[in-house]
C-alpha atoms as a PDB file:
ATOM      1  CA  UNK A   1       2.964 -20.784   1.987  1.00  0.00           C
ATOM      2  CA  UNK A   2       6.324 -20.129   3.488  1.00  0.00           C
ATOM      3  CA  UNK A   3       7.012 -18.791   7.078  1.00  0.00           C
ATOM      4  CA  UNK A   4       5.517 -15.639   7.712  1.00  0.00           C
ATOM      5  CA  UNK A   5       8.613 -13.531   8.828  1.00  0.00           C
ATOM      6  CA  UNK A   6       6.403 -10.634  10.313  1.00  0.00           C
ATOM      7  CA  UNK A   7       4.256 -12.629  11.862  1.00  0.00           C
ATOM      8  CA  UNK A   8       7.600 -14.485  14.168  1.00  0.00           C
ATOM      9  CA  UNK A   9       8.426 -11.776  14.944  1.00  0.00           C
ATOM     10  CA  UNK A  10       5.692 -10.469  16.334  1.00  0.00           C
ATOM     11  CA  UNK A  11       4.927 -13.684  18.180  1.00  0.00           C
ATOM     12  CA  UNK A  12       8.541 -13.133  19.691  1.00  0.00           C
ATOM     13  CA  UNK A  13       7.340  -9.829  20.711  1.00  0.00           C
ATOM     14  CA  UNK A  14       9.602  -7.781  18.398  1.00  0.00           C
ATOM     15  CA  UNK A  15       8.541  -4.580  16.804  1.00  0.00           C
ATOM     16  CA  UNK A  16       8.094  -4.635  12.552  1.00  0.00           C
ATOM     17  CA  UNK A  17       8.214  -1.803  10.486  1.00  0.00           C
ATOM     18  CA  UNK A  18       5.673  -0.827   7.464  1.00  0.00           C
ATOM     19  CA  UNK A  19       4.591   2.066   5.798  1.00  0.00           C
ATOM     20  CA  UNK A  20       1.196   2.291   3.504  1.00  0.00           C
ATOM     21  CA  UNK A  21       1.473   2.373  -0.521  1.00  0.00           C
ATOM     22  CA  UNK A  22      -0.685   4.119  -2.695  1.00  0.00           C
ATOM     23  CA  UNK A  23       1.394   4.226  -6.208  1.00  0.00           C
ATOM     24  CA  UNK A  24       3.020   1.297  -7.918  1.00  0.00           C
ATOM     25  CA  UNK A  25       5.099  -2.228  -7.907  1.00  0.00           C
ATOM     26  CA  UNK A  26       8.182   0.119  -7.958  1.00  0.00           C
ATOM     27  CA  UNK A  27       7.409   1.715  -4.627  1.00  0.00           C
ATOM     28  CA  UNK A  28       7.184  -1.865  -3.230  1.00  0.00           C
ATOM     29  CA  UNK A  29      10.367  -2.605  -4.531  1.00  0.00           C
ATOM     30  CA  UNK A  30      12.458   0.420  -3.300  1.00  0.00           C
ATOM     31  CA  UNK A  31      10.891  -0.221   0.684  1.00  0.00           C
ATOM     32  CA  UNK A  32      12.119  -3.486   0.484  1.00  0.00           C
ATOM     33  CA  UNK A  33      15.674  -2.569  -0.757  1.00  0.00           C
ATOM     34  CA  UNK A  34      16.212   0.180   1.918  1.00  0.00           C
ATOM     35  CA  UNK A  35      14.827  -1.974   5.121  1.00  0.00           C
ATOM     36  CA  UNK A  36      11.372  -1.803   5.754  1.00  0.00           C
ATOM     37  CA  UNK A  37       9.613  -5.379   7.063  1.00  0.00           C
ATOM     38  CA  UNK A  38       6.349  -4.632   5.336  1.00  0.00           C
ATOM     39  CA  UNK A  39       4.269  -2.776   3.174  1.00  0.00           C
ATOM     40  CA  UNK A  40       0.313  -2.353   3.301  1.00  0.00           C
ATOM     41  CA  UNK A  41      -1.073  -2.179  -0.423  1.00  0.00           C
ATOM     42  CA  UNK A  42      -3.551   0.633  -0.087  1.00  0.00           C
ATOM     43  CA  UNK A  43      -6.807  -0.613  -1.216  1.00  0.00           C
ATOM     44  CA  UNK A  44      -9.578   1.252   0.819  1.00  0.00           C
ATOM     45  CA  UNK A  45      -7.659   4.790  -0.121  1.00  0.00           C
ATOM     46  CA  UNK A  46      -6.123   3.850  -2.656  1.00  0.00           C
ATOM     47  CA  UNK A  47      -6.897   3.324  -6.667  1.00  0.00           C
ATOM     48  CA  UNK A  48      -5.520   0.128  -7.433  1.00  0.00           C
ATOM     49  CA  UNK A  49      -7.250  -2.900  -9.523  1.00  0.00           C
ATOM     50  CA  UNK A  50      -6.663  -6.656  -8.374  1.00  0.00           C
ATOM     51  CA  UNK A  51      -3.853  -7.066 -11.013  1.00  0.00           C
ATOM     52  CA  UNK A  52      -2.364  -3.289  -9.914  1.00  0.00           C
ATOM     53  CA  UNK A  53      -2.236  -5.702  -6.678  1.00  0.00           C
ATOM     54  CA  UNK A  54      -0.910  -8.677  -8.211  1.00  0.00           C
ATOM     55  CA  UNK A  55       1.630  -7.566  -9.178  1.00  0.00           C
ATOM     56  CA  UNK A  56       2.320  -5.397  -6.109  1.00  0.00           C
ATOM     57  CA  UNK A  57       2.341  -8.808  -4.340  1.00  0.00           C
ATOM     58  CA  UNK A  58       4.725 -10.423  -6.594  1.00  0.00           C
ATOM     59  CA  UNK A  59       6.917  -7.417  -6.683  1.00  0.00           C
ATOM     60  CA  UNK A  60       7.588  -7.189  -2.483  1.00  0.00           C
ATOM     61  CA  UNK A  61       8.268 -10.886  -2.741  1.00  0.00           C
ATOM     62  CA  UNK A  62      11.293 -10.213  -5.360  1.00  0.00           C
ATOM     63  CA  UNK A  63      12.783  -7.911  -2.361  1.00  0.00           C
ATOM     64  CA  UNK A  64      12.235 -10.079   0.868  1.00  0.00           C
ATOM     65  CA  UNK A  65       8.882  -7.530   1.748  1.00  0.00           C
ATOM     66  CA  UNK A  66       6.248  -8.980   3.355  1.00  0.00           C
ATOM     67  CA  UNK A  67       2.945  -7.770   1.197  1.00  0.00           C
ATOM     68  CA  UNK A  68       0.017  -6.841   3.309  1.00  0.00           C
ATOM     69  CA  UNK A  69      -3.404  -5.441   1.791  1.00  0.00           C
ATOM     70  CA  UNK A  70      -5.699  -2.932   3.641  1.00  0.00           C
ATOM     71  CA  UNK A  71      -9.135  -4.470   1.377  1.00  0.00           C
ATOM     72  CA  UNK A  72     -11.426  -1.960   1.180  1.00  0.00           C
ATOM     73  CA  UNK A  73     -14.058  -2.570   3.468  1.00  0.00           C
ATOM     74  CA  UNK A  74     -15.254  -5.631   5.527  1.00  0.00           C
ATOM     75  CA  UNK A  75     -16.777  -8.102   2.268  1.00  0.00           C
ATOM     76  CA  UNK A  76     -15.038 -11.276   3.232  1.00  0.00           C
ATOM     77  CA  UNK A  77     -14.572 -11.919  -0.956  1.00  0.00           C
ATOM     78  CA  UNK A  78     -11.949  -8.719  -0.800  1.00  0.00           C
ATOM     79  CA  UNK A  79      -9.591 -10.790   2.038  1.00  0.00           C
ATOM     80  CA  UNK A  80      -9.851 -13.882   0.105  1.00  0.00           C
ATOM     81  CA  UNK A  81      -9.256 -12.658  -3.016  1.00  0.00           C
ATOM     82  CA  UNK A  82      -6.101 -10.650  -1.970  1.00  0.00           C
ATOM     83  CA  UNK A  83      -4.704 -13.885   0.331  1.00  0.00           C
ATOM     84  CA  UNK A  84      -5.201 -16.090  -3.342  1.00  0.00           C
ATOM     85  CA  UNK A  85      -3.156 -13.318  -4.920  1.00  0.00           C
ATOM     86  CA  UNK A  86      -0.266 -14.116  -2.353  1.00  0.00           C
ATOM     87  CA  UNK A  87      -0.832 -11.462  -0.381  1.00  0.00           C
ATOM     88  CA  UNK A  88       0.833 -12.445   3.252  1.00  0.00           C
ATOM     89  CA  UNK A  89      -1.850 -10.881   5.402  1.00  0.00           C
ATOM     90  CA  UNK A  90      -4.802  -8.304   5.506  1.00  0.00           C
ATOM     91  CA  UNK A  91      -5.760  -5.753   7.260  1.00  0.00           C
ATOM     92  CA  UNK A  92      -9.858  -4.988   7.793  1.00  0.00           C
ATOM     93  CA  UNK A  93     -11.129  -1.594   8.005  1.00  0.00           C
ATOM     94  CA  UNK A  94     -14.539  -0.424   9.054  1.00  0.00           C
ATOM     95  CA  UNK A  95     -15.003  -2.576  11.571  1.00  0.00           C
ATOM     96  CA  UNK A  96     -18.624  -1.953  13.280  1.00  0.00           C
ATOM     97  CA  UNK A  97     -20.138  -5.252  14.743  1.00  0.00           C
ATOM     98  CA  UNK A  98     -18.661  -8.863  16.035  1.00  0.00           C
ATOM     99  CA  UNK A  99     -20.840 -10.335  13.167  1.00  0.00           C
ATOM    100  CA  UNK A 100     -18.504  -8.519  11.074  1.00  0.00           C
ATOM    101  CA  UNK A 101     -15.266  -9.980  12.332  1.00  0.00           C
ATOM    102  CA  UNK A 102     -16.290 -12.886  13.126  1.00  0.00           C
ATOM    103  CA  UNK A 103     -17.239 -13.244   9.557  1.00  0.00           C
ATOM    104  CA  UNK A 104     -14.043 -11.998   7.752  1.00  0.00           C
ATOM    105  CA  UNK A 105     -12.058 -14.248  10.536  1.00  0.00           C
ATOM    106  CA  UNK A 106     -13.347 -17.182   9.005  1.00  0.00           C
ATOM    107  CA  UNK A 107     -12.478 -16.051   5.517  1.00  0.00           C
ATOM    108  CA  UNK A 108      -9.250 -15.594   6.117  1.00  0.00           C
ATOM    109  CA  UNK A 109      -8.708 -19.330   7.378  1.00  0.00           C
ATOM    110  CA  UNK A 110      -9.541 -22.673   5.699  1.00  0.00           C
ATOM    111  CA  UNK A 111     -11.495 -25.272   7.164  1.00  0.00           C
ATOM    112  CA  UNK A 112     -11.601 -26.633  10.459  1.00  0.00           C
ATOM    113  CA  UNK A 113     -10.581 -22.969  11.228  1.00  0.00           C
ATOM    114  CA  UNK A 114     -12.708 -21.302   9.054  1.00  0.00           C
ATOM    115  CA  UNK A 115     -14.604 -20.863   5.283  1.00  0.00           C
ATOM    116  CA  UNK A 116     -11.969 -19.189   3.047  1.00  0.00           C
ATOM    117  CA  UNK A 117     -12.659 -21.058  -0.208  1.00  0.00           C
ATOM    118  CA  UNK A 118     -10.432 -22.960  -2.224  1.00  0.00           C
ATOM    119  CA  UNK A 119      -8.720 -22.851  -5.370  1.00  0.00           C
ATOM    120  CA  UNK A 120      -5.312 -24.551  -6.398  1.00  0.00           C
ATOM    121  CA  UNK A 121      -4.786 -22.387  -9.682  1.00  0.00           C
ATOM    122  CA  UNK A 122      -3.565 -19.245  -8.019  1.00  0.00           C
ATOM    123  CA  UNK A 123      -0.846 -17.140  -7.167  1.00  0.00           C
ATOM    124  CA  UNK A 124      -1.003 -18.464  -3.358  1.00  0.00           C
ATOM    125  CA  UNK A 125      -0.683 -22.407  -4.345  1.00  0.00           C
ATOM    126  CA  UNK A 126       1.788 -21.592  -6.855  1.00  0.00           C
ATOM    127  CA  UNK A 127      -0.350 -22.197  -9.429  1.00  0.00           C
ATOM    128  CA  UNK A 128      -1.268 -25.643  -8.314  1.00  0.00           C
ATOM    129  CA  UNK A 129       2.443 -27.027  -7.989  1.00  0.00           C
ATOM    130  CA  UNK A 130       1.858 -26.675  -3.863  1.00  0.00           C
ATOM    131  CA  UNK A 131      -0.408 -29.683  -2.860  1.00  0.00           C
ATOM    132  CA  UNK A 132      -3.765 -28.671  -1.317  1.00  0.00           C
ATOM    133  CA  UNK A 133      -3.275 -30.540   2.045  1.00  0.00           C
ATOM    134  CA  UNK A 134       0.454 -28.278   2.323  1.00  0.00           C
ATOM    135  CA  UNK A 135      -0.905 -24.950   1.331  1.00  0.00           C
ATOM    136  CA  UNK A 136      -4.098 -25.025   3.186  1.00  0.00           C
ATOM    137  CA  UNK A 137      -2.105 -26.047   6.573  1.00  0.00           C
ATOM    138  CA  UNK A 138       0.863 -23.730   6.201  1.00  0.00           C
ATOM    139  CA  UNK A 139      -1.885 -20.781   5.371  1.00  0.00           C
ATOM    140  CA  UNK A 140      -3.651 -21.218   8.084  1.00  0.00           C
ATOM    141  CA  UNK A 141      -0.558 -20.968  10.344  1.00  0.00           C
ATOM    142  CA  UNK A 142       0.817 -18.096   8.196  1.00  0.00           C
ATOM    143  CA  UNK A 143      -1.507 -15.507   7.090  1.00  0.00           C
ATOM    144  CA  UNK A 144      -1.900 -12.689   9.496  1.00  0.00           C
ATOM    145  CA  UNK A 145      -4.971 -11.072   9.635  1.00  0.00           C
ATOM    146  CA  UNK A 146      -4.984  -7.512  11.015  1.00  0.00           C
ATOM    147  CA  UNK A 147      -8.485  -5.671  12.026  1.00  0.00           C
ATOM    148  CA  UNK A 148      -8.928  -2.309  12.872  1.00  0.00           C
ATOM    149  CA  UNK A 149     -10.047  -1.095  15.741  1.00  0.00           C
ATOM    150  CA  UNK A 150     -10.632   3.113  14.337  1.00  0.00           C
ATOM    151  CA  UNK A 151     -14.201   3.988  15.991  1.00  0.00           C
ATOM    152  CA  UNK A 152     -15.309   4.440  19.787  1.00  0.00           C
ATOM    153  CA  UNK A 153     -17.802   1.357  19.232  1.00  0.00           C
ATOM    154  CA  UNK A 154     -14.452  -1.084  18.737  1.00  0.00           C
ATOM    155  CA  UNK A 155     -12.392   0.310  21.303  1.00  0.00           C
ATOM    156  CA  UNK A 156     -15.591   0.264  23.659  1.00  0.00           C
ATOM    157  CA  UNK A 157     -16.170  -3.964  22.679  1.00  0.00           C
ATOM    158  CA  UNK A 158     -11.941  -4.584  22.169  1.00  0.00           C
ATOM    159  CA  UNK A 159     -12.745  -6.957  25.122  1.00  0.00           C
ATOM    160  CA  UNK A 160     -15.512  -8.751  23.165  1.00  0.00           C
ATOM    161  CA  UNK A 161     -13.684  -8.599  19.562  1.00  0.00           C
ATOM    162  CA  UNK A 162     -10.425 -10.336  20.908  1.00  0.00           C
ATOM    163  CA  UNK A 163     -12.946 -13.300  21.577  1.00  0.00           C
ATOM    164  CA  UNK A 164     -12.927 -14.144  18.216  1.00  0.00           C
ATOM    165  CA  UNK A 165     -10.457 -16.587  17.258  1.00  0.00           C
ATOM    166  CA  UNK A 166      -7.923 -15.839  14.464  1.00  0.00           C
ATOM    167  CA  UNK A 167      -6.775 -12.136  14.574  1.00  0.00           C
ATOM    168  CA  UNK A 168      -3.076 -11.857  14.817  1.00  0.00           C
ATOM    169  CA  UNK A 169      -3.304  -7.740  15.276  1.00  0.00           C
ATOM    170  CA  UNK A 170      -5.427  -5.078  16.379  1.00  0.00           C
ATOM    171  CA  UNK A 171      -4.684  -2.545  14.388  1.00  0.00           C
ATOM    172  CA  UNK A 172      -5.256   1.166  16.097  1.00  0.00           C
ATOM    173  CA  UNK A 173      -6.204   4.588  13.666  1.00  0.00           C
ATOM    174  CA  UNK A 174      -5.867   7.017  15.774  1.00  0.00           C
ATOM    175  CA  UNK A 175      -6.730   9.447  12.581  1.00  0.00           C
ATOM    176  CA  UNK A 176     -10.010   7.537  12.210  1.00  0.00           C
ATOM    177  CA  UNK A 177     -10.708   7.384  16.305  1.00  0.00           C
ATOM    178  CA  UNK A 178      -9.995  11.117  16.722  1.00  0.00           C
ATOM    179  CA  UNK A 179     -13.328  11.511  15.086  1.00  0.00           C
ATOM    180  CA  UNK A 180     -15.339   9.023  16.552  1.00  0.00           C
ATOM    181  CA  UNK A 181     -14.242  10.757  19.645  1.00  0.00           C
ATOM    182  CA  UNK A 182     -15.596  14.309  18.442  1.00  0.00           C
ATOM    183  CA  UNK A 183     -11.782  15.674  18.000  1.00  0.00           C
ATOM    184  CA  UNK A 184     -10.777  15.400  14.505  1.00  0.00           C
ATOM    185  CA  UNK A 185      -7.501  15.343  13.309  1.00  0.00           C
ATOM    186  CA  UNK A 186      -6.320  15.293  16.714  1.00  0.00           C
ATOM    187  CA  UNK A 187      -4.310  12.316  17.084  1.00  0.00           C
ATOM    188  CA  UNK A 188      -2.785  12.886  20.168  1.00  0.00           C
ATOM    189  CA  UNK A 189      -5.949  14.395  21.760  1.00  0.00           C
ATOM    190  CA  UNK A 190      -6.382  12.833  25.447  1.00  0.00           C
ATOM    191  CA  UNK A 191      -9.297  11.000  25.048  1.00  0.00           C
ATOM    192  CA  UNK A 192      -7.575   9.092  22.281  1.00  0.00           C
ATOM    193  CA  UNK A 193      -4.425   8.406  23.461  1.00  0.00           C
ATOM    194  CA  UNK A 194      -6.457   6.713  26.651  1.00  0.00           C
ATOM    195  CA  UNK A 195      -9.143   5.237  24.511  1.00  0.00           C
ATOM    196  CA  UNK A 196      -5.758   3.309  22.864  1.00  0.00           C
ATOM    197  CA  UNK A 197      -4.408   2.659  26.015  1.00  0.00           C
ATOM    198  CA  UNK A 198      -7.429   0.516  27.016  1.00  0.00           C
ATOM    199  CA  UNK A 199      -7.263  -1.369  23.438  1.00  0.00           C
ATOM    200  CA  UNK A 200      -3.618  -2.226  24.032  1.00  0.00           C
ATOM    201  CA  UNK A 201      -3.774  -3.508  27.430  1.00  0.00           C
ATOM    202  CA  UNK A 202      -6.900  -6.012  26.656  1.00  0.00           C
ATOM    203  CA  UNK A 203      -4.466  -7.415  23.722  1.00  0.00           C
ATOM    204  CA  UNK A 204      -1.628  -7.474  25.839  1.00  0.00           C
ATOM    205  CA  UNK A 205      -3.276  -9.533  28.382  1.00  0.00           C
ATOM    206  CA  UNK A 206      -4.550 -11.918  25.610  1.00  0.00           C
ATOM    207  CA  UNK A 207      -0.802 -12.330  24.037  1.00  0.00           C
ATOM    208  CA  UNK A 208      -2.391 -10.419  20.353  1.00  0.00           C
ATOM    209  CA  UNK A 209      -0.242  -7.964  18.864  1.00  0.00           C
ATOM    210  CA  UNK A 210      -1.173  -4.015  18.478  1.00  0.00           C
ATOM    211  CA  UNK A 211      -0.514  -2.007  15.712  1.00  0.00           C
ATOM    212  CA  UNK A 212      -0.783   1.726  14.957  1.00  0.00           C
ATOM    213  CA  UNK A 213       0.173   4.821  12.428  1.00  0.00           C
ATOM    214  CA  UNK A 214       2.052   7.440  12.894  1.00  0.00           C
ATOM    215  CA  UNK A 215       2.951  10.493  10.648  1.00  0.00           C
ATOM    216  CA  UNK A 216       6.340  10.621  11.658  1.00  0.00           C
ATOM    217  CA  UNK A 217       8.781   8.563  13.316  1.00  0.00           C
ATOM    218  CA  UNK A 218       9.419  10.862  16.519  1.00  0.00           C
ATOM    219  CA  UNK A 219       5.770   9.603  17.327  1.00  0.00           C
ATOM    220  CA  UNK A 220       6.247   5.945  18.332  1.00  0.00           C
ATOM    221  CA  UNK A 221       8.042   6.522  21.530  1.00  0.00           C
ATOM    222  CA  UNK A 222       4.521   6.364  23.630  1.00  0.00           C
ATOM    223  CA  UNK A 223       3.229   3.393  21.547  1.00  0.00           C
ATOM    224  CA  UNK A 224       6.299   1.416  22.041  1.00  0.00           C
ATOM    225  CA  UNK A 225       5.875   1.791  25.626  1.00  0.00           C
ATOM    226  CA  UNK A 226       2.686   0.715  25.464  1.00  0.00           C
ATOM    227  CA  UNK A 227       3.501  -2.283  24.198  1.00  0.00           C
ATOM    228  CA  UNK A 228       2.676  -1.563  20.314  1.00  0.00           C
ATOM    229  CA  UNK A 229       4.919  -4.048  17.881  1.00  0.00           C
ATOM    230  CA  UNK A 230       3.399  -3.545  14.394  1.00  0.00           C
ATOM    231  CA  UNK A 231       4.329  -0.421  13.872  1.00  0.00           C
ATOM    232  CA  UNK A 232       3.657   2.389  10.849  1.00  0.00           C
ATOM    233  CA  UNK A 233       4.650   5.384   9.715  1.00  0.00           C
ATOM    234  CA  UNK A 234       3.498   7.403   6.652  1.00  0.00           C
ATOM    235  CA  UNK A 235       2.825   6.845   3.032  1.00  0.00           C
ATOM    236  CA  UNK A 236       5.264   6.181  -0.206  1.00  0.00           C
ATOM    237  CA  UNK A 237       3.669   9.205  -1.634  1.00  0.00           C
ATOM    238  CA  UNK A 238       3.942  10.963   1.789  1.00  0.00           C
ATOM    239  CA  UNK A 239       7.610  10.459   1.942  1.00  0.00           C
ATOM    240  CA  UNK A 240       7.958  11.554  -1.816  1.00  0.00           C
ATOM    241  CA  UNK A 241       6.462  14.403  -1.054  1.00  0.00           C
ATOM    242  CA  UNK A 242       8.639  15.110   2.178  1.00  0.00           C
ATOM    243  CA  UNK A 243      11.893  14.251   0.094  1.00  0.00           C
ATOM    244  CA  UNK A 244      10.626  16.005  -3.076  1.00  0.00           C
ATOM    245  CA  UNK A 245       9.804  19.687  -1.508  1.00  0.00           C
ATOM    246  CA  UNK A 246      13.005  19.457   0.320  1.00  0.00           C
ATOM    247  CA  UNK A 247      15.312  18.638  -2.708  1.00  0.00           C
ATOM    248  CA  UNK A 248      13.230  21.451  -4.649  1.00  0.00           C
ATOM    249  CA  UNK A 249      13.987  23.780  -1.329  1.00  0.00           C
ATOM    250  CA  UNK A 250      17.758  22.893  -1.723  1.00  0.00           C
ATOM    251  CA  UNK A 251      17.850  23.506  -5.662  1.00  0.00           C
ATOM    252  CA  UNK A 252      16.317  26.790  -4.959  1.00  0.00           C
ATOM    253  CA  UNK A 253      18.273  27.923  -2.126  1.00  0.00           C
ATOM    254  CA  UNK A 254      21.679  26.910  -3.973  1.00  0.00           C
ATOM    255  CA  UNK A 255      20.180  28.645  -6.900  1.00  0.00           C
ATOM    256  CA  UNK A 256      19.847  32.176  -5.099  1.00  0.00           C
ATOM    257  CA  UNK A 257      23.223  32.136  -3.414  1.00  0.00           C
END
């Protein structure tokens, strides 16, 4: 596996920017060509097949965009398949126990750090053109694992979660967190902000990067001050909808003159 650019930046405390992708390989190419650092293929809420994901990973790499996959759940096989397809990292949602966190952390690393299954005939190994030992060593070093903290249980147990080896990013989901706290959709609610601040404080002490999702860039200021560096905003479909509506409104305004 080649050097993971966003993992290196995060280790150096540098912010990186990304978005979620629900559409296709074309989205990946456009995001890479327009200056984004990474894109998260959304296999949790999206409708992608494994073939779609593989093609999107290839498209991202062709334009220097780091491909991450948010897998559909906590089954470790999901993470292993996406890493075999060449993803530079995975995000694990819906975590509700320490056993789940430990299981997926081990699934993302080869022996002696974990128990990821080894197959030399996959995209991640260049279909056997990369020596096995080299692939295992570089993958253990470079794969990025982001675990979601998106419910009250995970936030309250953040110190225990951070004791589990192999976690590179703690990704905070304010939308799901607001629902967990009984204030659904209120991502800036004081209850939500206070709990996420607690998470970021714990991560800072452990030297683990923290990530966040915001709907619009103007909301990122507070989280930057809190030390969040894995920064995601909107989705490809959301940006498409915004610009499509804006252009349609402009066209109708011109017609009405």
